[in-house]
Amino acid sequence: MRRRSTPQAWALRCRIILACATGASNKDVAAQLGSTPHAMGRWRARFVEHRIAGLGDMPRSGEPRTVTDEQVAAVVKRTLDSTPKNATHW
């Protein structure tokens, strides 16, 4: 939570769980951390259900990927093995 490289959303979620572990109510933790009691309840419930993995972002709905892993690998291989015409590198 104290690392500079830790995303702030993760740090806030960790603070929520640590504050809730002291026995404070959702309302008190929300006031202390500048959030809402609804958000406290959501993160508390996700932590209880999924433990530490529940504090991360869950997969979101949306359009499926259109580029396969094989296509990505082929582009990377092509850029490493060849150069464009009239150029020294990509």
N, C-alpha and C. Protein backbone atom coordinates (compact mmCIF):
# COMPACT_ATOMS: atom_id res chain seq x y z
N MET A 1 0.83 -1.19 0.00
CA MET A 1 0.00 0.00 0.00
C MET A 1 0.87 1.25 0.00
N ARG A 2 2.07 1.19 0.59
CA ARG A 2 2.91 2.37 0.70
C ARG A 2 3.86 2.56 -0.48
N ARG A 3 3.95 1.56 -1.34
CA ARG A 3 4.84 1.68 -2.49
C ARG A 3 4.37 2.79 -3.41
N ARG A 4 5.31 3.49 -4.01
CA ARG A 4 4.96 4.55 -4.95
C ARG A 4 4.35 3.99 -6.23
N SER A 5 4.71 2.76 -6.56
CA SER A 5 4.22 2.16 -7.81
C SER A 5 2.84 1.52 -7.66
N THR A 6 2.31 1.46 -6.45
CA THR A 6 1.00 0.85 -6.23
C THR A 6 -0.09 1.77 -6.79
N PRO A 7 -0.98 1.24 -7.63
CA PRO A 7 -2.09 2.06 -8.12
C PRO A 7 -2.92 2.58 -6.95
N GLN A 8 -3.34 3.81 -7.03
CA GLN A 8 -4.06 4.43 -5.92
C GLN A 8 -5.40 3.75 -5.64
N ALA A 9 -6.04 3.19 -6.65
CA ALA A 9 -7.29 2.47 -6.41
C ALA A 9 -7.03 1.26 -5.51
N TRP A 10 -5.94 0.54 -5.77
CA TRP A 10 -5.57 -0.61 -4.94
C TRP A 10 -5.26 -0.16 -3.53
N ALA A 11 -4.53 0.93 -3.40
CA ALA A 11 -4.15 1.43 -2.08
C ALA A 11 -5.40 1.80 -1.27
N LEU A 12 -6.36 2.46 -1.92
CA LEU A 12 -7.60 2.83 -1.22
C LEU A 12 -8.35 1.57 -0.77
N ARG A 13 -8.43 0.57 -1.64
CA ARG A 13 -9.13 -0.66 -1.28
C ARG A 13 -8.46 -1.35 -0.10
N CYS A 14 -7.14 -1.33 -0.07
CA CYS A 14 -6.41 -1.91 1.06
C CYS A 14 -6.68 -1.12 2.34
N ARG A 15 -6.70 0.19 2.23
CA ARG A 15 -7.01 1.03 3.42
C ARG A 15 -8.41 0.72 3.93
N ILE A 16 -9.35 0.52 3.02
CA ILE A 16 -10.72 0.19 3.40
C ILE A 16 -10.74 -1.09 4.21
N ILE A 17 -10.10 -2.13 3.70
CA ILE A 17 -10.10 -3.43 4.37
C ILE A 17 -9.40 -3.34 5.72
N LEU A 18 -8.28 -2.63 5.77
CA LEU A 18 -7.56 -2.50 7.05
C LEU A 18 -8.39 -1.73 8.07
N ALA A 19 -9.07 -0.68 7.62
CA ALA A 19 -9.91 0.10 8.55
C ALA A 19 -11.11 -0.73 9.01
N CYS A 20 -11.69 -1.50 8.12
CA CYS A 20 -12.82 -2.35 8.49
C CYS A 20 -12.39 -3.44 9.47
N ALA A 21 -11.14 -3.89 9.36
CA ALA A 21 -10.64 -4.94 10.24
C ALA A 21 -10.55 -4.48 11.69
N THR A 22 -10.54 -3.18 11.91
CA THR A 22 -10.50 -2.65 13.29
C THR A 22 -11.86 -2.71 13.96
N GLY A 23 -12.89 -3.06 13.16
CA GLY A 23 -14.24 -3.14 13.71
C GLY A 23 -15.08 -1.90 13.47
N ALA A 24 -14.54 -0.94 12.73
CA ALA A 24 -15.28 0.29 12.44
C ALA A 24 -16.43 0.00 11.48
N SER A 25 -17.46 0.80 11.56
CA SER A 25 -18.62 0.62 10.67
C SER A 25 -18.30 1.18 9.28
N ASN A 26 -19.10 0.77 8.31
CA ASN A 26 -18.91 1.27 6.95
C ASN A 26 -19.02 2.79 6.91
N LYS A 27 -19.95 3.33 7.68
CA LYS A 27 -20.16 4.78 7.71
C LYS A 27 -18.92 5.50 8.27
N ASP A 28 -18.34 4.97 9.33
CA ASP A 28 -17.16 5.59 9.93
C ASP A 28 -15.94 5.50 9.00
N VAL A 29 -15.76 4.34 8.38
CA VAL A 29 -14.63 4.17 7.46
C VAL A 29 -14.81 5.08 6.25
N ALA A 30 -16.04 5.21 5.75
CA ALA A 30 -16.30 6.08 4.60
C ALA A 30 -15.95 7.53 4.94
N ALA A 31 -16.34 7.97 6.12
CA ALA A 31 -16.03 9.34 6.53
C ALA A 31 -14.52 9.54 6.68
N GLN A 32 -13.85 8.56 7.23
CA GLN A 32 -12.40 8.64 7.45
C GLN A 32 -11.64 8.68 6.13
N LEU A 33 -12.08 7.90 5.12
CA LEU A 33 -11.35 7.79 3.87
C LEU A 33 -11.93 8.63 2.73
N GLY A 34 -12.99 9.34 3.00
CA GLY A 34 -13.58 10.20 1.98
C GLY A 34 -14.29 9.44 0.87
N SER A 35 -15.00 8.40 1.24
CA SER A 35 -15.73 7.61 0.26
C SER A 35 -17.17 7.47 0.72
N THR A 36 -17.89 6.49 0.17
CA THR A 36 -19.29 6.29 0.56
C THR A 36 -19.46 4.97 1.30
N PRO A 37 -20.46 4.89 2.19
CA PRO A 37 -20.72 3.62 2.88
C PRO A 37 -21.02 2.48 1.90
N HIS A 38 -21.67 2.80 0.78
CA HIS A 38 -21.97 1.79 -0.23
C HIS A 38 -20.67 1.18 -0.78
N ALA A 39 -19.70 2.02 -1.06
CA ALA A 39 -18.41 1.52 -1.56
C ALA A 39 -17.72 0.67 -0.50
N MET A 40 -17.82 1.07 0.75
CA MET A 40 -17.20 0.28 1.84
C MET A 40 -17.81 -1.11 1.87
N GLY A 41 -19.13 -1.18 1.79
CA GLY A 41 -19.81 -2.48 1.82
C GLY A 41 -19.42 -3.35 0.64
N ARG A 42 -19.30 -2.73 -0.54
CA ARG A 42 -18.93 -3.49 -1.74
C ARG A 42 -17.54 -4.09 -1.60
N TRP A 43 -16.55 -3.28 -1.17
CA TRP A 43 -15.18 -3.79 -1.06
C TRP A 43 -15.05 -4.78 0.09
N ARG A 44 -15.78 -4.56 1.15
CA ARG A 44 -15.76 -5.50 2.27
C ARG A 44 -16.31 -6.86 1.83
N ALA A 45 -17.42 -6.84 1.10
CA ALA A 45 -18.04 -8.09 0.63
C ALA A 45 -17.14 -8.81 -0.37
N ARG A 46 -16.52 -8.05 -1.28
CA ARG A 46 -15.63 -8.69 -2.25
C ARG A 46 -14.41 -9.30 -1.57
N PHE A 47 -13.91 -8.64 -0.53
CA PHE A 47 -12.76 -9.19 0.19
C PHE A 47 -13.15 -10.47 0.92
N VAL A 48 -14.33 -10.49 1.53
CA VAL A 48 -14.78 -11.68 2.23
C VAL A 48 -14.95 -12.85 1.26
N GLU A 49 -15.47 -12.57 0.08
CA GLU A 49 -15.72 -13.62 -0.90
C GLU A 49 -14.46 -14.11 -1.61
N HIS A 50 -13.60 -13.17 -2.04
CA HIS A 50 -12.45 -13.52 -2.88
C HIS A 50 -11.10 -13.29 -2.21
N ARG A 51 -11.10 -12.82 -0.98
CA ARG A 51 -9.86 -12.47 -0.26
C ARG A 51 -9.09 -11.39 -1.03
N ILE A 52 -7.77 -11.45 -1.06
CA ILE A 52 -6.97 -10.37 -1.64
C ILE A 52 -7.23 -10.21 -3.14
N ALA A 53 -7.54 -11.29 -3.84
CA ALA A 53 -7.81 -11.21 -5.28
C ALA A 53 -9.06 -10.38 -5.56
N GLY A 54 -9.97 -10.30 -4.60
CA GLY A 54 -11.19 -9.52 -4.78
C GLY A 54 -10.98 -8.03 -4.79
N LEU A 55 -9.80 -7.58 -4.37
CA LEU A 55 -9.53 -6.15 -4.36
C LEU A 55 -9.07 -5.63 -5.72
N GLY A 56 -8.74 -6.55 -6.62
CA GLY A 56 -8.35 -6.16 -7.97
C GLY A 56 -9.56 -5.86 -8.82
N ASP A 57 -9.32 -5.38 -10.02
CA ASP A 57 -10.41 -5.11 -10.94
C ASP A 57 -10.90 -6.42 -11.53
N MET A 58 -12.19 -6.60 -11.53
CA MET A 58 -12.79 -7.79 -12.11
C MET A 58 -12.92 -7.60 -13.63
N PRO A 59 -12.97 -8.68 -14.37
CA PRO A 59 -13.16 -8.55 -15.82
C PRO A 59 -14.46 -7.82 -16.12
N ARG A 60 -14.42 -6.97 -17.11
CA ARG A 60 -15.61 -6.21 -17.49
C ARG A 60 -16.21 -6.79 -18.76
N SER A 61 -17.48 -6.54 -18.91
CA SER A 61 -18.13 -7.00 -20.13
C SER A 61 -17.68 -6.10 -21.28
N GLY A 62 -17.81 -6.59 -22.45
CA GLY A 62 -17.43 -5.81 -23.61
C GLY A 62 -17.23 -6.71 -24.81
N GLU A 63 -16.82 -6.10 -25.89
CA GLU A 63 -16.62 -6.84 -27.12
C GLU A 63 -15.43 -7.78 -26.98
N PRO A 64 -15.53 -8.99 -27.49
CA PRO A 64 -14.41 -9.92 -27.41
C PRO A 64 -13.22 -9.41 -28.23
N ARG A 65 -12.04 -9.91 -27.89
CA ARG A 65 -10.83 -9.53 -28.62
C ARG A 65 -10.96 -9.90 -30.09
N THR A 66 -10.42 -9.05 -30.94
CA THR A 66 -10.43 -9.34 -32.37
C THR A 66 -9.06 -9.76 -32.87
N VAL A 67 -8.02 -9.52 -32.07
CA VAL A 67 -6.65 -9.88 -32.43
C VAL A 67 -6.24 -11.06 -31.56
N THR A 68 -5.80 -12.13 -32.20
CA THR A 68 -5.40 -13.32 -31.46
C THR A 68 -3.95 -13.21 -31.00
N ASP A 69 -3.57 -14.08 -30.07
CA ASP A 69 -2.19 -14.12 -29.60
C ASP A 69 -1.24 -14.47 -30.75
N GLU A 70 -1.69 -15.33 -31.65
CA GLU A 70 -0.86 -15.72 -32.79
C GLU A 70 -0.59 -14.54 -33.71
N GLN A 71 -1.60 -13.69 -33.91
CA GLN A 71 -1.42 -12.51 -34.75
C GLN A 71 -0.43 -11.53 -34.12
N VAL A 72 -0.53 -11.36 -32.83
CA VAL A 72 0.41 -10.49 -32.13
C VAL A 72 1.83 -11.03 -32.26
N ALA A 73 1.99 -12.32 -32.05
CA ALA A 73 3.31 -12.95 -32.17
C ALA A 73 3.87 -12.80 -33.58
N ALA A 74 3.02 -12.92 -34.59
CA ALA A 74 3.47 -12.78 -35.97
C ALA A 74 3.97 -11.37 -36.27
N VAL A 75 3.27 -10.36 -35.75
CA VAL A 75 3.70 -8.97 -35.96
C VAL A 75 5.02 -8.71 -35.25
N VAL A 76 5.16 -9.19 -34.04
CA VAL A 76 6.41 -9.01 -33.31
C VAL A 76 7.56 -9.69 -34.04
N LYS A 77 7.34 -10.90 -34.49
CA LYS A 77 8.38 -11.64 -35.22
C LYS A 77 8.76 -10.90 -36.49
N ARG A 78 7.78 -10.39 -37.21
CA ARG A 78 8.04 -9.67 -38.45
C ARG A 78 8.87 -8.40 -38.21
N THR A 79 8.56 -7.68 -37.14
CA THR A 79 9.31 -6.46 -36.86
C THR A 79 10.72 -6.76 -36.38
N LEU A 80 10.94 -7.89 -35.75
CA LEU A 80 12.27 -8.25 -35.29
C LEU A 80 13.14 -8.83 -36.40
N ASP A 81 12.50 -9.48 -37.37
CA ASP A 81 13.26 -10.17 -38.41
C ASP A 81 13.44 -9.38 -39.70
N SER A 82 12.75 -8.26 -39.87
CA SER A 82 12.86 -7.51 -41.12
C SER A 82 12.83 -6.01 -40.83
N THR A 83 13.17 -5.23 -41.86
CA THR A 83 13.08 -3.76 -41.75
C THR A 83 12.28 -3.25 -42.94
N PRO A 84 11.62 -2.13 -42.80
CA PRO A 84 10.88 -1.56 -43.92
C PRO A 84 11.83 -1.09 -45.02
N LYS A 85 11.33 -0.96 -46.23
CA LYS A 85 12.14 -0.46 -47.34
C LYS A 85 12.60 0.96 -47.01
N ASN A 86 13.82 1.27 -47.39
CA ASN A 86 14.41 2.60 -47.18
C ASN A 86 14.48 3.00 -45.71
N ALA A 87 14.64 2.03 -44.83
CA ALA A 87 14.77 2.32 -43.40
C ALA A 87 15.81 1.40 -42.78
N THR A 88 16.41 1.86 -41.69
CA THR A 88 17.40 1.03 -41.01
C THR A 88 16.80 0.21 -39.87
N HIS A 89 15.66 0.63 -39.39
CA HIS A 89 14.97 -0.08 -38.32
C HIS A 89 13.51 0.35 -38.27
N TRP A 90 12.71 -0.34 -37.49
CA TRP A 90 11.29 0.00 -37.34
C TRP A 90 11.15 1.23 -36.50
